[in-house]
């Protein structure tokens, strides 16, 4: 049985119009896409590859299943 894992993605729109994607729980897992959908697709591939390497090396596999995120907007 395959364990389900949750990963938080941070997408940042670049000046060129592409999106950079960071996966905070997997250090160094960074990719990009031409638009949001493509960026998410690329992130999925990057996460799968990253996790596969962790498995091969017998390392623990972190995820964001216990992470809660809030945004707080403050007036300056």
PDB file of N, CA and C in Angstrom:
ATOM      1  N   UNK A   1       0.836  -1.189   0.000  1.00  0.00           N
ATOM      2  CA  UNK A   1       0.000   0.000   0.000  1.00  0.00           C
ATOM      3  C   UNK A   1       0.883   1.257   0.000  1.00  0.00           C
ATOM      4  N   UNK A   2       0.559   2.202  -0.847  1.00  0.00           N
ATOM      5  CA  UNK A   2       1.324   3.439  -0.957  1.00  0.00           C
ATOM      6  C   UNK A   2       0.812   4.439   0.074  1.00  0.00           C
ATOM      7  N   UNK A   3       1.741   4.985   0.843  1.00  0.00           N
ATOM      8  CA  UNK A   3       1.373   5.981   1.852  1.00  0.00           C
ATOM      9  C   UNK A   3       1.120   7.324   1.173  1.00  0.00           C
ATOM     10  N   UNK A   4       0.060   7.977   1.583  1.00  0.00           N
ATOM     11  CA  UNK A   4      -0.261   9.300   1.056  1.00  0.00           C
ATOM     12  C   UNK A   4       0.513  10.355   1.846  1.00  0.00           C
ATOM     13  N   UNK A   5       1.122  11.274   1.138  1.00  0.00           N
ATOM     14  CA  UNK A   5       1.877  12.352   1.774  1.00  0.00           C
ATOM     15  C   UNK A   5       1.366  13.695   1.254  1.00  0.00           C
ATOM     16  N   UNK A   6       1.488  14.704   2.071  1.00  0.00           N
ATOM     17  CA  UNK A   6       1.044  16.049   1.721  1.00  0.00           C
ATOM     18  C   UNK A   6       2.253  16.967   1.646  1.00  0.00           C
ATOM     19  N   UNK A   7       2.320  17.769   0.581  1.00  0.00           N
ATOM     20  CA  UNK A   7       3.420  18.719   0.433  1.00  0.00           C
ATOM     21  C   UNK A   7       2.870  20.103   0.117  1.00  0.00           C
ATOM     22  N   UNK A   8       3.393  21.078   0.827  1.00  0.00           N
ATOM     23  CA  UNK A   8       3.039  22.477   0.598  1.00  0.00           C
ATOM     24  C   UNK A   8       3.923  23.002  -0.523  1.00  0.00           C
ATOM     25  N   UNK A   9       3.331  23.698  -1.468  1.00  0.00           N
ATOM     26  CA  UNK A   9       4.067  24.300  -2.577  1.00  0.00           C
ATOM     27  C   UNK A   9       4.001  25.815  -2.463  1.00  0.00           C
ATOM     28  N   UNK A  10       5.110  26.467  -2.661  1.00  0.00           N
ATOM     29  CA  UNK A  10       5.149  27.928  -2.709  1.00  0.00           C
ATOM     30  C   UNK A  10       5.454  28.327  -4.143  1.00  0.00           C
ATOM     31  N   UNK A  11       4.522  29.009  -4.774  1.00  0.00           N
ATOM     32  CA  UNK A  11       4.698  29.454  -6.157  1.00  0.00           C
ATOM     33  C   UNK A  11       4.956  30.950  -6.179  1.00  0.00           C
ATOM     34  N   UNK A  12       5.975  31.340  -6.916  1.00  0.00           N
ATOM     35  CA  UNK A  12       6.321  32.762  -7.037  1.00  0.00           C
ATOM     36  C   UNK A  12       6.363  33.105  -8.525  1.00  0.00           C
ATOM     37  N   UNK A  13       5.569  34.103  -8.909  1.00  0.00           N
ATOM     38  CA  UNK A  13       5.565  34.535 -10.301  1.00  0.00           C
ATOM     39  C   UNK A  13       6.814  35.370 -10.564  1.00  0.00           C
ATOM     40  N   UNK A  14       7.535  35.010 -11.616  1.00  0.00           N
ATOM     41  CA  UNK A  14       8.757  35.707 -11.989  1.00  0.00           C
ATOM     42  C   UNK A  14       8.453  36.800 -13.017  1.00  0.00           C
ATOM     43  N   UNK A  15       9.383  37.724 -13.183  1.00  0.00           N
ATOM     44  CA  UNK A  15       9.201  38.840 -14.112  1.00  0.00           C
ATOM     45  C   UNK A  15       8.928  38.366 -15.537  1.00  0.00           C
ATOM     46  N   UNK A  16       9.533  37.227 -15.898  1.00  0.00           N
ATOM     47  CA  UNK A  16       9.368  36.689 -17.250  1.00  0.00           C
ATOM     48  C   UNK A  16       8.007  36.052 -17.463  1.00  0.00           C
ATOM     49  N   UNK A  17       7.230  35.884 -16.375  1.00  0.00           N
ATOM     50  CA  UNK A  17       5.912  35.279 -16.469  1.00  0.00           C
ATOM     51  C   UNK A  17       5.864  33.829 -16.033  1.00  0.00           C
ATOM     52  N   UNK A  18       7.031  33.194 -15.875  1.00  0.00           N
ATOM     53  CA  UNK A  18       7.084  31.813 -15.385  1.00  0.00           C
ATOM     54  C   UNK A  18       6.844  31.793 -13.880  1.00  0.00           C
ATOM     55  N   UNK A  19       6.674  30.589 -13.335  1.00  0.00           N
ATOM     56  CA  UNK A  19       6.486  30.422 -11.899  1.00  0.00           C
ATOM     57  C   UNK A  19       7.577  29.523 -11.336  1.00  0.00           C
ATOM     58  N   UNK A  20       8.232  29.991 -10.291  1.00  0.00           N
ATOM     59  CA  UNK A  20       9.183  29.183  -9.548  1.00  0.00           C
ATOM     60  C   UNK A  20       8.409  28.497  -8.435  1.00  0.00           C
ATOM     61  N   UNK A  21       8.711  27.214  -8.202  1.00  0.00           N
ATOM     62  CA  UNK A  21       8.026  26.445  -7.159  1.00  0.00           C
ATOM     63  C   UNK A  21       9.057  25.932  -6.163  1.00  0.00           C
ATOM     64  N   UNK A  22       8.795  26.171  -4.883  1.00  0.00           N
ATOM     65  CA  UNK A  22       9.626  25.652  -3.807  1.00  0.00           C
ATOM     66  C   UNK A  22       8.778  24.700  -2.972  1.00  0.00           C
ATOM     67  N   UNK A  23       9.412  23.616  -2.492  1.00  0.00           N
ATOM     68  CA  UNK A  23       8.756  22.645  -1.622  1.00  0.00           C
ATOM     69  C   UNK A  23       9.492  22.728  -0.279  1.00  0.00           C
ATOM     70  N   UNK A  24       8.981  23.523   0.663  1.00  0.00           N
ATOM     71  CA  UNK A  24       9.722  23.805   1.900  1.00  0.00           C
ATOM     72  C   UNK A  24      10.141  22.586   2.716  1.00  0.00           C
ATOM     73  N   UNK A  25       9.340  21.542   2.746  1.00  0.00           N
ATOM     74  CA  UNK A  25       9.699  20.387   3.573  1.00  0.00           C
ATOM     75  C   UNK A  25      10.775  19.504   2.932  1.00  0.00           C
ATOM     76  N   UNK A  26      11.101  19.777   1.660  1.00  0.00           N
ATOM     77  CA  UNK A  26      12.152  19.028   0.965  1.00  0.00           C
ATOM     78  C   UNK A  26      13.238  20.018   0.529  1.00  0.00           C
ATOM     79  N   UNK A  27      14.226  20.272   1.378  1.00  0.00           N
ATOM     80  CA  UNK A  27      15.257  21.267   1.075  1.00  0.00           C
ATOM     81  C   UNK A  27      15.906  21.048  -0.291  1.00  0.00           C
ATOM     82  N   UNK A  28      15.950  22.112  -1.069  1.00  0.00           N
ATOM     83  CA  UNK A  28      16.556  22.046  -2.391  1.00  0.00           C
ATOM     84  C   UNK A  28      15.617  21.576  -3.479  1.00  0.00           C
ATOM     85  N   UNK A  29      14.388  21.227  -3.127  1.00  0.00           N
ATOM     86  CA  UNK A  29      13.412  20.788  -4.130  1.00  0.00           C
ATOM     87  C   UNK A  29      12.758  22.037  -4.717  1.00  0.00           C
ATOM     88  N   UNK A  30      13.297  22.473  -5.848  1.00  0.00           N
ATOM     89  CA  UNK A  30      12.850  23.696  -6.515  1.00  0.00           C
ATOM     90  C   UNK A  30      12.679  23.389  -7.992  1.00  0.00           C
ATOM     91  N   UNK A  31      11.612  23.876  -8.579  1.00  0.00           N
ATOM     92  CA  UNK A  31      11.396  23.685 -10.004  1.00  0.00           C
ATOM     93  C   UNK A  31      10.665  24.903 -10.541  1.00  0.00           C
ATOM     94  N   UNK A  32      10.199  24.834 -11.779  1.00  0.00           N
ATOM     95  CA  UNK A  32       9.493  25.969 -12.367  1.00  0.00           C
ATOM     96  C   UNK A  32       8.533  25.457 -13.428  1.00  0.00           C
ATOM     97  N   UNK A  33       7.617  26.336 -13.808  1.00  0.00           N
ATOM     98  CA  UNK A  33       6.685  26.013 -14.871  1.00  0.00           C
ATOM     99  C   UNK A  33       6.304  27.264 -15.633  1.00  0.00           C
ATOM    100  N   UNK A  34       5.798  27.057 -16.834  1.00  0.00           N
ATOM    101  CA  UNK A  34       5.411  28.186 -17.690  1.00  0.00           C
ATOM    102  C   UNK A  34       4.160  28.893 -17.182  1.00  0.00           C
ATOM    103  N   UNK A  35       3.300  28.153 -16.464  1.00  0.00           N
ATOM    104  CA  UNK A  35       2.091  28.722 -15.858  1.00  0.00           C
ATOM    105  C   UNK A  35       1.829  27.928 -14.576  1.00  0.00           C
ATOM    106  N   UNK A  36       0.783  28.268 -13.846  1.00  0.00           N
ATOM    107  CA  UNK A  36       0.527  27.620 -12.558  1.00  0.00           C
ATOM    108  C   UNK A  36       0.332  26.112 -12.718  1.00  0.00           C
ATOM    109  N   UNK A  37      -0.496  25.698 -13.679  1.00  0.00           N
ATOM    110  CA  UNK A  37      -0.744  24.267 -13.858  1.00  0.00           C
ATOM    111  C   UNK A  37       0.537  23.514 -14.205  1.00  0.00           C
ATOM    112  N   UNK A  38       1.334  24.080 -15.096  1.00  0.00           N
ATOM    113  CA  UNK A  38       2.595  23.449 -15.480  1.00  0.00           C
ATOM    114  C   UNK A  38       3.547  23.401 -14.285  1.00  0.00           C
ATOM    115  N   UNK A  39       3.591  24.465 -13.492  1.00  0.00           N
ATOM    116  CA  UNK A  39       4.462  24.518 -12.316  1.00  0.00           C
ATOM    117  C   UNK A  39       4.078  23.433 -11.308  1.00  0.00           C
ATOM    118  N   UNK A  40       2.792  23.229 -11.095  1.00  0.00           N
ATOM    119  CA  UNK A  40       2.334  22.197 -10.168  1.00  0.00           C
ATOM    120  C   UNK A  40       2.676  20.806 -10.700  1.00  0.00           C
ATOM    121  N   UNK A  41       2.504  20.608 -11.991  1.00  0.00           N
ATOM    122  CA  UNK A  41       2.866  19.333 -12.618  1.00  0.00           C
ATOM    123  C   UNK A  41       4.354  19.049 -12.444  1.00  0.00           C
ATOM    124  N   UNK A  42       5.183  20.069 -12.667  1.00  0.00           N
ATOM    125  CA  UNK A  42       6.625  19.918 -12.518  1.00  0.00           C
ATOM    126  C   UNK A  42       6.998  19.655 -11.057  1.00  0.00           C
ATOM    127  N   UNK A  43       6.296  20.298 -10.124  1.00  0.00           N
ATOM    128  CA  UNK A  43       6.551  20.085  -8.701  1.00  0.00           C
ATOM    129  C   UNK A  43       6.242  18.634  -8.323  1.00  0.00           C
ATOM    130  N   UNK A  44       5.157  18.096  -8.852  1.00  0.00           N
ATOM    131  CA  UNK A  44       4.806  16.703  -8.568  1.00  0.00           C
ATOM    132  C   UNK A  44       5.933  15.776  -9.017  1.00  0.00           C
ATOM    133  N   UNK A  45       6.450  15.998 -10.207  1.00  0.00           N
ATOM    134  CA  UNK A  45       7.549  15.178 -10.715  1.00  0.00           C
ATOM    135  C   UNK A  45       8.802  15.332  -9.847  1.00  0.00           C
ATOM    136  N   UNK A  46       9.111  16.564  -9.452  1.00  0.00           N
ATOM    137  CA  UNK A  46      10.295  16.821  -8.627  1.00  0.00           C
ATOM    138  C   UNK A  46      10.157  16.156  -7.257  1.00  0.00           C
ATOM    139  N   UNK A  47       8.976  16.226  -6.663  1.00  0.00           N
ATOM    140  CA  UNK A  47       8.742  15.601  -5.352  1.00  0.00           C
ATOM    141  C   UNK A  47       8.886  14.089  -5.462  1.00  0.00           C
ATOM    142  N   UNK A  48       8.291  13.491  -6.493  1.00  0.00           N
ATOM    143  CA  UNK A  48       8.391  12.040  -6.665  1.00  0.00           C
ATOM    144  C   UNK A  48       9.844  11.594  -6.802  1.00  0.00           C
ATOM    145  N   UNK A  49      10.638  12.329  -7.567  1.00  0.00           N
ATOM    146  CA  UNK A  49      12.053  11.991  -7.736  1.00  0.00           C
ATOM    147  C   UNK A  49      12.818  12.153  -6.425  1.00  0.00           C
ATOM    148  N   UNK A  50      12.554  13.230  -5.711  1.00  0.00           N
ATOM    149  CA  UNK A  50      13.215  13.508  -4.436  1.00  0.00           C
ATOM    150  C   UNK A  50      12.918  12.391  -3.440  1.00  0.00           C
ATOM    151  N   UNK A  51      11.638  12.023  -3.321  1.00  0.00           N
ATOM    152  CA  UNK A  51      11.221  10.979  -2.383  1.00  0.00           C
ATOM    153  C   UNK A  51      11.852   9.637  -2.766  1.00  0.00           C
ATOM    154  N   UNK A  52      11.944   9.346  -4.036  1.00  0.00           N
ATOM    155  CA  UNK A  52      12.555   8.093  -4.491  1.00  0.00           C
ATOM    156  C   UNK A  52      14.011   8.013  -4.038  1.00  0.00           C
ATOM    157  N   UNK A  53      14.745   9.109  -4.141  1.00  0.00           N
ATOM    158  CA  UNK A  53      16.140   9.134  -3.684  1.00  0.00           C
ATOM    159  C   UNK A  53      16.208   8.916  -2.174  1.00  0.00           C
ATOM    160  N   UNK A  54      15.317   9.571  -1.425  1.00  0.00           N
ATOM    161  CA  UNK A  54      15.297   9.370   0.029  1.00  0.00           C
ATOM    162  C   UNK A  54      15.054   7.898   0.365  1.00  0.00           C
ATOM    163  N   UNK A  55      14.122   7.258  -0.330  1.00  0.00           N
ATOM    164  CA  UNK A  55      13.835   5.840  -0.096  1.00  0.00           C
ATOM    165  C   UNK A  55      15.067   4.988  -0.383  1.00  0.00           C
ATOM    166  N   UNK A  56      15.716   5.243  -1.516  1.00  0.00           N
ATOM    167  CA  UNK A  56      16.897   4.471  -1.907  1.00  0.00           C
ATOM    168  C   UNK A  56      18.017   4.596  -0.880  1.00  0.00           C
ATOM    169  N   UNK A  57      18.124   5.783  -0.264  1.00  0.00           N
ATOM    170  CA  UNK A  57      19.184   6.026   0.713  1.00  0.00           C
ATOM    171  C   UNK A  57      18.769   5.679   2.138  1.00  0.00           C
ATOM    172  N   UNK A  58      17.528   5.195   2.305  1.00  0.00           N
ATOM    173  CA  UNK A  58      17.051   4.816   3.630  1.00  0.00           C
ATOM    174  C   UNK A  58      16.822   5.993   4.556  1.00  0.00           C
ATOM    175  N   UNK A  59      16.617   7.160   3.990  1.00  0.00           N
ATOM    176  CA  UNK A  59      16.405   8.379   4.776  1.00  0.00           C
ATOM    177  C   UNK A  59      14.920   8.544   5.102  1.00  0.00           C
ATOM    178  N   UNK A  60      14.603   9.235   6.201  1.00  0.00           N
ATOM    179  CA  UNK A  60      13.199   9.516   6.497  1.00  0.00           C
ATOM    180  C   UNK A  60      12.605  10.436   5.422  1.00  0.00           C
ATOM    181  N   UNK A  61      11.317  10.290   5.191  1.00  0.00           N
ATOM    182  CA  UNK A  61      10.638  11.083   4.162  1.00  0.00           C
ATOM    183  C   UNK A  61       9.717  12.089   4.850  1.00  0.00           C
ATOM    184  N   UNK A  62      10.133  13.363   4.881  1.00  0.00           N
ATOM    185  CA  UNK A  62       9.296  14.379   5.518  1.00  0.00           C
ATOM    186  C   UNK A  62       8.115  14.754   4.628  1.00  0.00           C
ATOM    187  N   UNK A  63       7.085  15.291   5.244  1.00  0.00           N
ATOM    188  CA  UNK A  63       5.970  15.852   4.494  1.00  0.00           C
ATOM    189  C   UNK A  63       5.310  16.928   5.342  1.00  0.00           C
ATOM    190  N   UNK A  64       4.243  17.499   4.826  1.00  0.00           N
ATOM    191  CA  UNK A  64       3.559  18.599   5.512  1.00  0.00           C
ATOM    192  C   UNK A  64       2.200  18.178   6.053  1.00  0.00           C
ATOM    193  N   UNK A  65       2.007  16.884   6.313  1.00  0.00           N
ATOM    194  CA  UNK A  65       0.699  16.422   6.771  1.00  0.00           C
ATOM    195  C   UNK A  65       0.316  16.991   8.136  1.00  0.00           C
ATOM    196  N   UNK A  66       1.281  17.394   8.923  1.00  0.00           N
ATOM    197  CA  UNK A  66       0.996  17.982  10.236  1.00  0.00           C
ATOM    198  C   UNK A  66       1.269  19.480  10.276  1.00  0.00           C
ATOM    199  N   UNK A  67       1.383  20.098   9.107  1.00  0.00           N
ATOM    200  CA  UNK A  67       1.673  21.526   9.011  1.00  0.00           C
ATOM    201  C   UNK A  67       0.388  22.296   8.758  1.00  0.00           C
ATOM    202  N   UNK A  68       0.204  23.361   9.494  1.00  0.00           N
ATOM    203  CA  UNK A  68      -0.923  24.252   9.283  1.00  0.00           C
ATOM    204  C   UNK A  68      -0.370  25.601   8.854  1.00  0.00           C
ATOM    205  N   UNK A  69      -1.006  26.217   7.906  1.00  0.00           N
ATOM    206  CA  UNK A  69      -0.492  27.476   7.381  1.00  0.00           C
ATOM    207  C   UNK A  69      -1.586  28.533   7.417  1.00  0.00           C
ATOM    208  N   UNK A  70      -1.181  29.703   7.836  1.00  0.00           N
ATOM    209  CA  UNK A  70      -2.075  30.857   7.869  1.00  0.00           C
ATOM    210  C   UNK A  70      -1.367  32.043   7.233  1.00  0.00           C
ATOM    211  N   UNK A  71      -2.125  32.903   6.649  1.00  0.00           N
ATOM    212  CA  UNK A  71      -1.580  34.160   6.142  1.00  0.00           C
ATOM    213  C   UNK A  71      -2.146  35.273   6.999  1.00  0.00           C
ATOM    214  N   UNK A  72      -1.288  36.183   7.364  1.00  0.00           N
ATOM    215  CA  UNK A  72      -1.695  37.309   8.199  1.00  0.00           C
ATOM    216  C   UNK A  72      -1.262  38.573   7.503  1.00  0.00           C
ATOM    217  N   UNK A  73      -2.208  39.449   7.249  1.00  0.00           N
ATOM    218  CA  UNK A  73      -1.892  40.705   6.581  1.00  0.00           C
ATOM    219  C   UNK A  73      -1.959  41.840   7.611  1.00  0.00           C
ATOM    220  N   UNK A  74      -0.883  42.607   7.673  1.00  0.00           N
ATOM    221  CA  UNK A  74      -0.800  43.707   8.604  1.00  0.00           C
ATOM    222  C   UNK A  74      -0.660  45.019   7.844  1.00  0.00           C
ATOM    223  N   UNK A  75      -1.251  46.057   8.384  1.00  0.00           N
ATOM    224  CA  UNK A  75      -1.076  47.385   7.806  1.00  0.00           C
ATOM    225  C   UNK A  75       0.241  47.948   8.309  1.00  0.00           C
ATOM    226  N   UNK A  76       0.984  48.572   7.418  1.00  0.00           N
ATOM    227  CA  UNK A  76       2.288  49.128   7.801  1.00  0.00           C
ATOM    228  C   UNK A  76       2.128  50.459   8.476  1.00  0.00           C
TER     229      UNK A  76
END
